[in-house]
Amino acid sequence: RRRPVRPELVLLCDVSGSVSGFSDFTMLLVQALHDQFTKVRVFAFVNRIDEVTGLLGHGAADPAGLGARIRAEADLTGHHGSSDYGAALGEFTARYGDAVGPRSTVFVLGDARTNMSDPNLAALRRIAGQARHLHWLNPEPRTLWGTGDSAAPEYAGLVAMHECRNAHQLGALIGRLLPV
């Protein structure tokens, strides 16, 4: 019997203040599950994106200080400190597009709040076209999607967006989506 192929995992994590706790927790979970994937790459962003995979390697980071270390060592912001998903997604496709391939499962972690910036749907379409699977984990209640500066409905039109607000929801979702 052929063994199922372990997927490659790519995480795009919003680490801005509004969702940093959720992203930190999810990155720690991925660190713990690292051996279940053939390859793991992790990218963090606020309005710029930077690869932080090396900070999550086995024993490479103190779990309690991982989020602070990422925010201190990675290049995550440009001329302002607010989230800009469109800019981050565009920079990801330009600089790191080769991280996503036909064996990749990609998770975007964040609330999809663009601070009234262009959501750059074309960049998300490109990522979706390259990946085997693309899922968005949104820690906000579904009832808030589309309110204020949320571009969640626009993104959800292109990718499966899941409300994921606690460890139970996250565990159930990962169990359904990934063959671990």
N, C-alpha and C. Protein backbone atom coordinates (compact mmCIF):
# COMPACT_ATOMS: atom_id res chain seq x y z
N ARG A 1 0.82 -1.21 0.00
CA ARG A 1 0.00 0.00 0.00
C ARG A 1 0.85 1.24 0.00
N ARG A 2 0.42 2.21 -0.77
CA ARG A 2 1.13 3.49 -0.79
C ARG A 2 0.71 4.30 0.42
N ARG A 3 1.70 4.90 1.03
CA ARG A 3 1.42 5.79 2.16
C ARG A 3 0.94 7.13 1.62
N PRO A 4 -0.01 7.76 2.32
CA PRO A 4 -0.42 9.09 1.86
C PRO A 4 0.74 10.07 1.96
N VAL A 5 0.81 10.94 1.00
CA VAL A 5 1.87 11.94 0.96
C VAL A 5 1.57 13.00 2.02
N ARG A 6 2.57 13.29 2.84
CA ARG A 6 2.40 14.35 3.83
C ARG A 6 2.42 15.69 3.10
N PRO A 7 1.53 16.58 3.47
CA PRO A 7 1.49 17.87 2.76
C PRO A 7 2.63 18.79 3.16
N GLU A 8 2.85 19.77 2.30
CA GLU A 8 3.71 20.89 2.64
C GLU A 8 2.79 21.95 3.24
N LEU A 9 3.24 22.63 4.25
CA LEU A 9 2.40 23.60 4.94
C LEU A 9 3.01 24.99 4.81
N VAL A 10 2.18 25.96 4.45
CA VAL A 10 2.58 27.36 4.38
C VAL A 10 1.59 28.15 5.22
N LEU A 11 2.10 28.91 6.19
CA LEU A 11 1.26 29.77 7.02
C LEU A 11 1.56 31.22 6.71
N LEU A 12 0.50 32.02 6.53
CA LEU A 12 0.61 33.46 6.39
C LEU A 12 -0.12 34.03 7.60
N CYS A 13 0.63 34.61 8.55
CA CYS A 13 0.08 35.00 9.85
C CYS A 13 0.08 36.50 10.07
N ASP A 14 -1.10 37.07 10.27
CA ASP A 14 -1.21 38.46 10.68
C ASP A 14 -0.78 38.50 12.15
N VAL A 15 0.24 39.28 12.46
CA VAL A 15 0.71 39.39 13.84
C VAL A 15 0.49 40.80 14.39
N SER A 16 -0.46 41.53 13.77
CA SER A 16 -0.79 42.85 14.30
C SER A 16 -1.47 42.69 15.65
N GLY A 17 -1.58 43.77 16.38
CA GLY A 17 -2.10 43.72 17.74
C GLY A 17 -3.45 43.05 17.89
N SER A 18 -4.36 43.24 16.94
CA SER A 18 -5.72 42.72 17.10
C SER A 18 -5.79 41.19 17.07
N VAL A 19 -4.86 40.53 16.43
CA VAL A 19 -4.92 39.07 16.31
C VAL A 19 -3.61 38.37 16.70
N SER A 20 -2.69 39.08 17.30
CA SER A 20 -1.37 38.50 17.56
C SER A 20 -1.44 37.28 18.48
N GLY A 21 -2.30 37.29 19.47
CA GLY A 21 -2.42 36.14 20.37
C GLY A 21 -2.85 34.89 19.63
N PHE A 22 -3.81 35.02 18.73
CA PHE A 22 -4.29 33.91 17.92
C PHE A 22 -3.17 33.37 17.02
N SER A 23 -2.46 34.27 16.36
CA SER A 23 -1.37 33.84 15.48
C SER A 23 -0.25 33.18 16.27
N ASP A 24 0.10 33.75 17.42
CA ASP A 24 1.15 33.16 18.26
C ASP A 24 0.78 31.73 18.65
N PHE A 25 -0.47 31.54 19.09
CA PHE A 25 -0.92 30.21 19.50
C PHE A 25 -0.86 29.24 18.32
N THR A 26 -1.33 29.67 17.15
CA THR A 26 -1.35 28.78 15.99
C THR A 26 0.06 28.42 15.54
N MET A 27 0.99 29.39 15.59
CA MET A 27 2.37 29.09 15.21
C MET A 27 2.99 28.09 16.18
N LEU A 28 2.66 28.18 17.46
CA LEU A 28 3.16 27.21 18.43
C LEU A 28 2.59 25.82 18.15
N LEU A 29 1.33 25.75 17.76
CA LEU A 29 0.74 24.47 17.40
C LEU A 29 1.46 23.87 16.20
N VAL A 30 1.74 24.69 15.20
CA VAL A 30 2.46 24.21 14.02
C VAL A 30 3.85 23.74 14.40
N GLN A 31 4.51 24.45 15.31
CA GLN A 31 5.83 24.02 15.77
C GLN A 31 5.74 22.63 16.39
N ALA A 32 4.69 22.37 17.14
CA ALA A 32 4.52 21.06 17.77
C ALA A 32 4.21 19.97 16.75
N LEU A 33 3.52 20.33 15.66
CA LEU A 33 3.13 19.36 14.64
C LEU A 33 4.09 19.29 13.46
N HIS A 34 5.22 19.95 13.57
CA HIS A 34 6.17 20.09 12.46
C HIS A 34 6.47 18.77 11.76
N ASP A 35 6.62 17.69 12.49
CA ASP A 35 7.00 16.41 11.90
C ASP A 35 5.90 15.78 11.05
N GLN A 36 4.69 16.31 11.09
CA GLN A 36 3.60 15.76 10.31
C GLN A 36 3.61 16.25 8.86
N PHE A 37 4.51 17.17 8.53
CA PHE A 37 4.55 17.77 7.21
C PHE A 37 5.92 17.55 6.58
N THR A 38 5.95 17.46 5.25
CA THR A 38 7.24 17.30 4.58
C THR A 38 8.03 18.59 4.63
N LYS A 39 7.33 19.71 4.61
CA LYS A 39 7.99 21.01 4.65
C LYS A 39 7.03 22.00 5.29
N VAL A 40 7.57 22.89 6.11
CA VAL A 40 6.77 23.93 6.74
C VAL A 40 7.47 25.26 6.52
N ARG A 41 6.72 26.24 6.02
CA ARG A 41 7.23 27.61 5.91
C ARG A 41 6.21 28.54 6.54
N VAL A 42 6.71 29.47 7.33
CA VAL A 42 5.84 30.38 8.06
C VAL A 42 6.25 31.81 7.74
N PHE A 43 5.24 32.63 7.43
CA PHE A 43 5.44 34.03 7.09
C PHE A 43 4.56 34.87 8.00
N ALA A 44 5.12 35.94 8.53
CA ALA A 44 4.38 36.84 9.41
C ALA A 44 4.26 38.19 8.72
N PHE A 45 3.17 38.91 9.02
CA PHE A 45 2.99 40.22 8.41
C PHE A 45 2.14 41.13 9.28
N VAL A 46 2.32 42.40 9.07
CA VAL A 46 1.40 43.45 9.50
C VAL A 46 1.00 44.17 8.21
N ASN A 47 1.93 44.90 7.61
CA ASN A 47 1.69 45.44 6.27
C ASN A 47 2.85 45.13 5.33
N ARG A 48 3.87 44.49 5.84
CA ARG A 48 4.97 43.88 5.07
C ARG A 48 5.03 42.44 5.52
N ILE A 49 5.57 41.57 4.70
CA ILE A 49 5.63 40.15 5.05
C ILE A 49 7.08 39.69 5.09
N ASP A 50 7.39 38.81 6.03
CA ASP A 50 8.74 38.30 6.18
C ASP A 50 8.66 36.84 6.58
N GLU A 51 9.60 36.05 6.09
CA GLU A 51 9.62 34.63 6.48
C GLU A 51 10.21 34.50 7.89
N VAL A 52 9.51 33.74 8.73
CA VAL A 52 9.94 33.55 10.12
C VAL A 52 10.10 32.06 10.44
N THR A 53 10.20 31.24 9.42
CA THR A 53 10.32 29.80 9.60
C THR A 53 11.45 29.44 10.55
N GLY A 54 12.60 30.08 10.39
CA GLY A 54 13.77 29.77 11.23
C GLY A 54 13.54 30.03 12.70
N LEU A 55 12.63 30.92 13.02
CA LEU A 55 12.34 31.22 14.43
C LEU A 55 11.45 30.16 15.07
N LEU A 56 10.84 29.28 14.25
CA LEU A 56 9.95 28.26 14.77
C LEU A 56 10.56 26.87 14.79
N GLY A 57 11.79 26.70 14.34
CA GLY A 57 12.42 25.38 14.30
C GLY A 57 12.45 24.73 15.67
N HIS A 58 12.58 23.42 15.67
CA HIS A 58 12.61 22.67 16.94
C HIS A 58 13.68 23.25 17.86
N GLY A 59 13.25 23.71 19.00
CA GLY A 59 14.17 24.24 19.99
C GLY A 59 14.72 25.60 19.67
N ALA A 60 14.29 26.20 18.54
CA ALA A 60 14.85 27.49 18.14
C ALA A 60 14.24 28.66 18.88
N ALA A 61 13.11 28.44 19.52
CA ALA A 61 12.45 29.57 20.17
C ALA A 61 11.86 29.16 21.50
N ASP A 62 11.92 30.08 22.44
CA ASP A 62 11.22 29.92 23.70
C ASP A 62 9.74 30.12 23.40
N PRO A 63 8.88 29.12 23.63
CA PRO A 63 7.47 29.27 23.27
C PRO A 63 6.81 30.51 23.86
N ALA A 64 7.16 30.86 25.07
CA ALA A 64 6.53 32.02 25.70
C ALA A 64 6.91 33.32 25.01
N GLY A 65 8.09 33.38 24.41
CA GLY A 65 8.56 34.61 23.80
C GLY A 65 8.54 34.62 22.29
N LEU A 66 7.92 33.61 21.67
CA LEU A 66 7.95 33.50 20.21
C LEU A 66 7.36 34.72 19.52
N GLY A 67 6.17 35.14 19.93
CA GLY A 67 5.53 36.28 19.28
C GLY A 67 6.36 37.54 19.39
N ALA A 68 6.88 37.80 20.58
CA ALA A 68 7.70 39.00 20.77
C ALA A 68 8.97 38.93 19.93
N ARG A 69 9.55 37.74 19.84
CA ARG A 69 10.78 37.58 19.05
C ARG A 69 10.50 37.82 17.57
N ILE A 70 9.39 37.31 17.07
CA ILE A 70 9.03 37.52 15.67
C ILE A 70 8.83 39.00 15.41
N ARG A 71 8.09 39.67 16.27
CA ARG A 71 7.84 41.10 16.06
C ARG A 71 9.12 41.93 16.17
N ALA A 72 10.09 41.46 16.95
CA ALA A 72 11.35 42.19 17.10
C ALA A 72 12.33 41.92 15.95
N GLU A 73 12.36 40.70 15.42
CA GLU A 73 13.38 40.32 14.45
C GLU A 73 12.93 40.35 12.99
N ALA A 74 11.63 40.30 12.74
CA ALA A 74 11.15 40.25 11.35
C ALA A 74 10.79 41.65 10.86
N ASP A 75 10.85 41.84 9.56
CA ASP A 75 10.50 43.10 8.92
C ASP A 75 9.01 43.03 8.57
N LEU A 76 8.17 43.58 9.45
CA LEU A 76 6.73 43.41 9.33
C LEU A 76 5.95 44.67 9.00
N THR A 77 6.56 45.82 9.15
CA THR A 77 5.83 47.07 8.90
C THR A 77 6.64 47.99 8.00
N GLY A 78 5.89 48.77 7.25
CA GLY A 78 6.50 49.79 6.38
C GLY A 78 6.34 51.15 7.01
N HIS A 79 5.62 52.00 6.34
CA HIS A 79 5.48 53.38 6.79
C HIS A 79 4.42 53.59 7.87
N HIS A 80 3.67 52.56 8.24
CA HIS A 80 2.69 52.66 9.32
C HIS A 80 2.59 51.30 10.01
N GLY A 81 1.91 51.23 11.14
CA GLY A 81 1.85 49.98 11.90
C GLY A 81 0.53 49.26 11.82
N SER A 82 -0.35 49.64 10.87
CA SER A 82 -1.66 49.01 10.75
C SER A 82 -1.63 47.88 9.72
N SER A 83 -2.54 46.92 9.91
CA SER A 83 -2.64 45.80 8.97
C SER A 83 -2.97 46.29 7.57
N ASP A 84 -2.36 45.65 6.59
CA ASP A 84 -2.68 45.89 5.18
C ASP A 84 -2.52 44.55 4.48
N TYR A 85 -3.62 43.80 4.44
CA TYR A 85 -3.58 42.47 3.85
C TYR A 85 -3.21 42.52 2.37
N GLY A 86 -3.75 43.50 1.65
CA GLY A 86 -3.46 43.59 0.22
C GLY A 86 -1.98 43.76 -0.06
N ALA A 87 -1.33 44.67 0.68
CA ALA A 87 0.11 44.88 0.50
C ALA A 87 0.89 43.62 0.88
N ALA A 88 0.51 42.99 1.99
CA ALA A 88 1.23 41.80 2.44
C ALA A 88 1.05 40.63 1.47
N LEU A 89 -0.17 40.42 0.98
CA LEU A 89 -0.40 39.34 0.02
C LEU A 89 0.35 39.60 -1.29
N GLY A 90 0.35 40.85 -1.73
CA GLY A 90 1.09 41.20 -2.95
C GLY A 90 2.58 40.97 -2.79
N GLU A 91 3.12 41.39 -1.65
CA GLU A 91 4.56 41.18 -1.41
C GLU A 91 4.87 39.70 -1.31
N PHE A 92 3.97 38.91 -0.70
CA PHE A 92 4.19 37.46 -0.61
C PHE A 92 4.29 36.85 -2.01
N THR A 93 3.35 37.18 -2.89
CA THR A 93 3.40 36.58 -4.22
C THR A 93 4.64 37.02 -5.00
N ALA A 94 5.06 38.26 -4.78
CA ALA A 94 6.25 38.76 -5.50
C ALA A 94 7.55 38.16 -4.96
N ARG A 95 7.69 38.09 -3.65
CA ARG A 95 8.96 37.65 -3.06
C ARG A 95 9.02 36.17 -2.76
N TYR A 96 7.88 35.56 -2.40
CA TYR A 96 7.89 34.19 -1.91
C TYR A 96 6.92 33.28 -2.66
N GLY A 97 6.49 33.68 -3.84
CA GLY A 97 5.52 32.90 -4.59
C GLY A 97 5.92 31.45 -4.79
N ASP A 98 7.22 31.19 -4.87
CA ASP A 98 7.70 29.81 -5.07
C ASP A 98 7.52 28.94 -3.83
N ALA A 99 7.11 29.51 -2.70
CA ALA A 99 6.86 28.73 -1.48
C ALA A 99 5.60 27.88 -1.62
N VAL A 100 4.75 28.23 -2.57
CA VAL A 100 3.46 27.54 -2.74
C VAL A 100 3.51 26.73 -4.02
N GLY A 101 3.17 25.45 -3.89
CA GLY A 101 3.15 24.56 -5.04
C GLY A 101 1.98 23.60 -4.97
N PRO A 102 1.92 22.66 -5.88
CA PRO A 102 0.76 21.75 -5.96
C PRO A 102 0.61 20.80 -4.77
N ARG A 103 1.61 20.69 -3.91
CA ARG A 103 1.49 19.85 -2.70
C ARG A 103 1.27 20.70 -1.45
N SER A 104 1.13 22.00 -1.63
CA SER A 104 1.04 22.92 -0.48
C SER A 104 -0.39 23.08 0.02
N THR A 105 -0.50 23.07 1.33
CA THR A 105 -1.71 23.51 2.01
C THR A 105 -1.36 24.84 2.65
N VAL A 106 -2.10 25.87 2.31
CA VAL A 106 -1.82 27.22 2.80
C VAL A 106 -2.92 27.63 3.76
N PHE A 107 -2.51 28.18 4.90
CA PHE A 107 -3.45 28.76 5.85
C PHE A 107 -3.11 30.23 6.02
N VAL A 108 -4.12 31.08 5.85
CA VAL A 108 -4.00 32.49 6.19
C VAL A 108 -4.64 32.64 7.56
N LEU A 109 -3.93 33.25 8.50
CA LEU A 109 -4.43 33.44 9.85
C LEU A 109 -4.63 34.93 10.09
N GLY A 110 -5.87 35.35 10.28
CA GLY A 110 -6.10 36.75 10.56
C GLY A 110 -7.55 37.16 10.39
N ASP A 111 -7.83 38.38 10.81
CA ASP A 111 -9.20 38.88 10.84
C ASP A 111 -9.66 39.55 9.54
N ALA A 112 -8.80 39.67 8.55
CA ALA A 112 -9.12 40.25 7.24
C ALA A 112 -9.50 41.72 7.34
N ARG A 113 -9.04 42.41 8.36
CA ARG A 113 -9.31 43.84 8.51
C ARG A 113 -8.20 44.61 7.80
N THR A 114 -8.56 45.27 6.73
CA THR A 114 -7.59 45.88 5.82
C THR A 114 -7.28 47.34 6.12
N ASN A 115 -7.94 47.92 7.14
CA ASN A 115 -7.78 49.35 7.42
C ASN A 115 -8.07 50.18 6.18
N MET A 116 -9.11 49.79 5.47
CA MET A 116 -9.62 50.49 4.28
C MET A 116 -8.65 50.46 3.10
N SER A 117 -7.66 49.59 3.13
CA SER A 117 -6.72 49.45 2.02
C SER A 117 -7.28 48.46 0.99
N ASP A 118 -6.70 48.47 -0.19
CA ASP A 118 -7.08 47.53 -1.26
C ASP A 118 -6.81 46.11 -0.78
N PRO A 119 -7.80 45.21 -0.80
CA PRO A 119 -7.58 43.84 -0.33
C PRO A 119 -6.72 42.99 -1.26
N ASN A 120 -6.43 43.44 -2.47
CA ASN A 120 -5.58 42.73 -3.43
C ASN A 120 -6.07 41.30 -3.66
N LEU A 121 -7.28 41.19 -4.13
CA LEU A 121 -7.88 39.88 -4.40
C LEU A 121 -7.10 39.11 -5.45
N ALA A 122 -6.45 39.81 -6.36
CA ALA A 122 -5.66 39.14 -7.40
C ALA A 122 -4.52 38.33 -6.79
N ALA A 123 -3.88 38.86 -5.76
CA ALA A 123 -2.79 38.12 -5.11
C ALA A 123 -3.32 36.86 -4.43
N LEU A 124 -4.47 36.96 -3.78
CA LEU A 124 -5.05 35.77 -3.15
C LEU A 124 -5.46 34.74 -4.20
N ARG A 125 -5.99 35.21 -5.33
CA ARG A 125 -6.33 34.28 -6.42
C ARG A 125 -5.08 33.55 -6.91
N ARG A 126 -3.96 34.26 -7.01
CA ARG A 126 -2.72 33.63 -7.47
C ARG A 126 -2.26 32.54 -6.49
N ILE A 127 -2.31 32.84 -5.20
CA ILE A 127 -1.94 31.85 -4.19
C ILE A 127 -2.86 30.64 -4.29
N ALA A 128 -4.17 30.89 -4.41
CA ALA A 128 -5.15 29.80 -4.52
C ALA A 128 -4.88 28.94 -5.76
N GLY A 129 -4.49 29.58 -6.84
CA GLY A 129 -4.22 28.85 -8.08
C GLY A 129 -2.99 27.97 -8.01
N GLN A 130 -2.05 28.31 -7.15
CA GLN A 130 -0.81 27.53 -7.01
C GLN A 130 -0.92 26.42 -5.97
N ALA A 131 -1.76 26.61 -4.96
CA ALA A 131 -1.80 25.68 -3.82
C ALA A 131 -2.75 24.51 -4.06
N ARG A 132 -2.48 23.43 -3.37
CA ARG A 132 -3.41 22.31 -3.39
C ARG A 132 -4.67 22.68 -2.61
N HIS A 133 -4.47 23.30 -1.45
CA HIS A 133 -5.57 23.76 -0.60
C HIS A 133 -5.22 25.12 -0.04
N LEU A 134 -6.23 25.95 0.14
CA LEU A 134 -6.05 27.26 0.76
C LEU A 134 -7.23 27.49 1.70
N HIS A 135 -6.92 27.77 2.95
CA HIS A 135 -7.95 28.02 3.97
C HIS A 135 -7.58 29.28 4.73
N TRP A 136 -8.60 29.99 5.16
CA TRP A 136 -8.41 31.20 5.95
C TRP A 136 -9.03 30.95 7.32
N LEU A 137 -8.25 31.12 8.37
CA LEU A 137 -8.75 30.99 9.74
C LEU A 137 -8.95 32.39 10.30
N ASN A 138 -10.19 32.74 10.59
CA ASN A 138 -10.53 34.07 11.06
C ASN A 138 -10.98 33.99 12.51
N PRO A 139 -10.27 34.68 13.43
CA PRO A 139 -10.62 34.60 14.85
C PRO A 139 -11.79 35.49 15.25
N GLU A 140 -12.34 36.24 14.31
CA GLU A 140 -13.50 37.07 14.64
C GLU A 140 -14.79 36.28 14.47
N PRO A 141 -15.81 36.63 15.25
CA PRO A 141 -17.12 35.98 15.03
C PRO A 141 -17.62 36.28 13.62
N ARG A 142 -18.23 35.30 13.02
CA ARG A 142 -18.76 35.44 11.66
C ARG A 142 -19.68 36.65 11.54
N THR A 143 -20.38 36.99 12.61
CA THR A 143 -21.31 38.13 12.57
C THR A 143 -20.59 39.46 12.35
N LEU A 144 -19.28 39.52 12.58
CA LEU A 144 -18.52 40.76 12.38
C LEU A 144 -17.85 40.83 11.02
N TRP A 145 -17.87 39.73 10.27
CA TRP A 145 -17.25 39.73 8.96
C TRP A 145 -18.01 40.72 8.07
N GLY A 146 -17.30 41.60 7.42
CA GLY A 146 -17.92 42.57 6.54
C GLY A 146 -18.31 43.87 7.23
N THR A 147 -18.07 43.98 8.52
CA THR A 147 -18.35 45.22 9.23
C THR A 147 -17.10 46.09 9.26
N GLY A 148 -17.30 47.40 9.27
CA GLY A 148 -16.16 48.31 9.35
C GLY A 148 -15.19 48.08 8.20
N ASP A 149 -13.93 47.85 8.54
CA ASP A 149 -12.89 47.68 7.53
C ASP A 149 -12.63 46.21 7.18
N SER A 150 -13.56 45.32 7.51
CA SER A 150 -13.37 43.89 7.25
C SER A 150 -13.61 43.57 5.77
N ALA A 151 -12.63 42.92 5.15
CA ALA A 151 -12.77 42.44 3.78
C ALA A 151 -13.05 40.94 3.76
N ALA A 152 -13.47 40.40 4.91
CA ALA A 152 -13.71 38.96 5.02
C ALA A 152 -14.67 38.43 3.95
N PRO A 153 -15.80 39.08 3.67
CA PRO A 153 -16.68 38.53 2.64
C PRO A 153 -16.02 38.45 1.25
N GLU A 154 -15.20 39.45 0.92
CA GLU A 154 -14.52 39.43 -0.38
C GLU A 154 -13.52 38.28 -0.44
N TYR A 155 -12.73 38.12 0.62
CA TYR A 155 -11.77 37.02 0.66
C TYR A 155 -12.49 35.66 0.70
N ALA A 156 -13.59 35.59 1.46
CA ALA A 156 -14.33 34.33 1.57
C ALA A 156 -14.97 33.93 0.24
N GLY A 157 -15.13 34.88 -0.67
CA GLY A 157 -15.61 34.55 -2.00
C GLY A 157 -14.58 33.81 -2.83
N LEU A 158 -13.32 33.85 -2.41
CA LEU A 158 -12.23 33.21 -3.15
C LEU A 158 -11.65 31.99 -2.44
N VAL A 159 -11.80 31.91 -1.15
CA VAL A 159 -11.14 30.88 -0.35
C VAL A 159 -12.06 30.46 0.78
N ALA A 160 -11.94 29.23 1.23
CA ALA A 160 -12.73 28.76 2.36
C ALA A 160 -12.28 29.50 3.62
N MET A 161 -13.19 30.30 4.19
CA MET A 161 -12.87 31.04 5.41
C MET A 161 -13.62 30.39 6.56
N HIS A 162 -12.88 30.12 7.64
CA HIS A 162 -13.44 29.42 8.79
C HIS A 162 -13.35 30.30 10.02
N GLU A 163 -14.45 30.40 10.75
CA GLU A 163 -14.39 31.06 12.05
C GLU A 163 -13.60 30.15 12.97
N CYS A 164 -12.57 30.69 13.58
CA CYS A 164 -11.68 29.88 14.42
C CYS A 164 -11.25 30.74 15.59
N ARG A 165 -12.02 30.66 16.69
CA ARG A 165 -11.85 31.58 17.81
C ARG A 165 -11.24 30.96 19.05
N ASN A 166 -11.10 29.64 19.08
CA ASN A 166 -10.57 29.01 20.29
C ASN A 166 -9.86 27.70 19.93
N ALA A 167 -9.21 27.11 20.92
CA ALA A 167 -8.43 25.90 20.68
C ALA A 167 -9.31 24.74 20.22
N HIS A 168 -10.52 24.65 20.73
CA HIS A 168 -11.42 23.56 20.33
C HIS A 168 -11.76 23.67 18.85
N GLN A 169 -12.15 24.89 18.39
CA GLN A 169 -12.46 25.08 16.98
C GLN A 169 -11.24 24.81 16.11
N LEU A 170 -10.08 25.28 16.55
CA LEU A 170 -8.85 25.08 15.78
C LEU A 170 -8.52 23.59 15.67
N GLY A 171 -8.57 22.87 16.78
CA GLY A 171 -8.27 21.44 16.76
C GLY A 171 -9.22 20.66 15.87
N ALA A 172 -10.52 20.98 15.96
CA ALA A 172 -11.51 20.29 15.13
C ALA A 172 -11.27 20.58 13.65
N LEU A 173 -10.97 21.82 13.33
CA LEU A 173 -10.73 22.21 11.95
C LEU A 173 -9.48 21.53 11.39
N ILE A 174 -8.40 21.57 12.13
CA ILE A 174 -7.15 20.93 11.67
C ILE A 174 -7.39 19.43 11.48
N GLY A 175 -8.11 18.82 12.41
CA GLY A 175 -8.42 17.39 12.30
C GLY A 175 -9.19 17.06 11.04
N ARG A 176 -10.11 17.95 10.62
CA ARG A 176 -10.89 17.72 9.41
C ARG A 176 -10.10 17.98 8.14
N LEU A 177 -9.20 18.96 8.18
CA LEU A 177 -8.55 19.42 6.97
C LEU A 177 -7.22 18.75 6.64
N LEU A 178 -6.47 18.37 7.66
CA LEU A 178 -5.13 17.84 7.41
C LEU A 178 -5.04 16.38 7.81
N PRO A 179 -4.46 15.56 6.94
CA PRO A 179 -4.28 14.13 7.26
C PRO A 179 -3.08 13.93 8.17
N VAL A 180 -3.26 14.19 9.47
CA VAL A 180 -2.14 14.04 10.42
C VAL A 180 -2.25 12.74 11.17
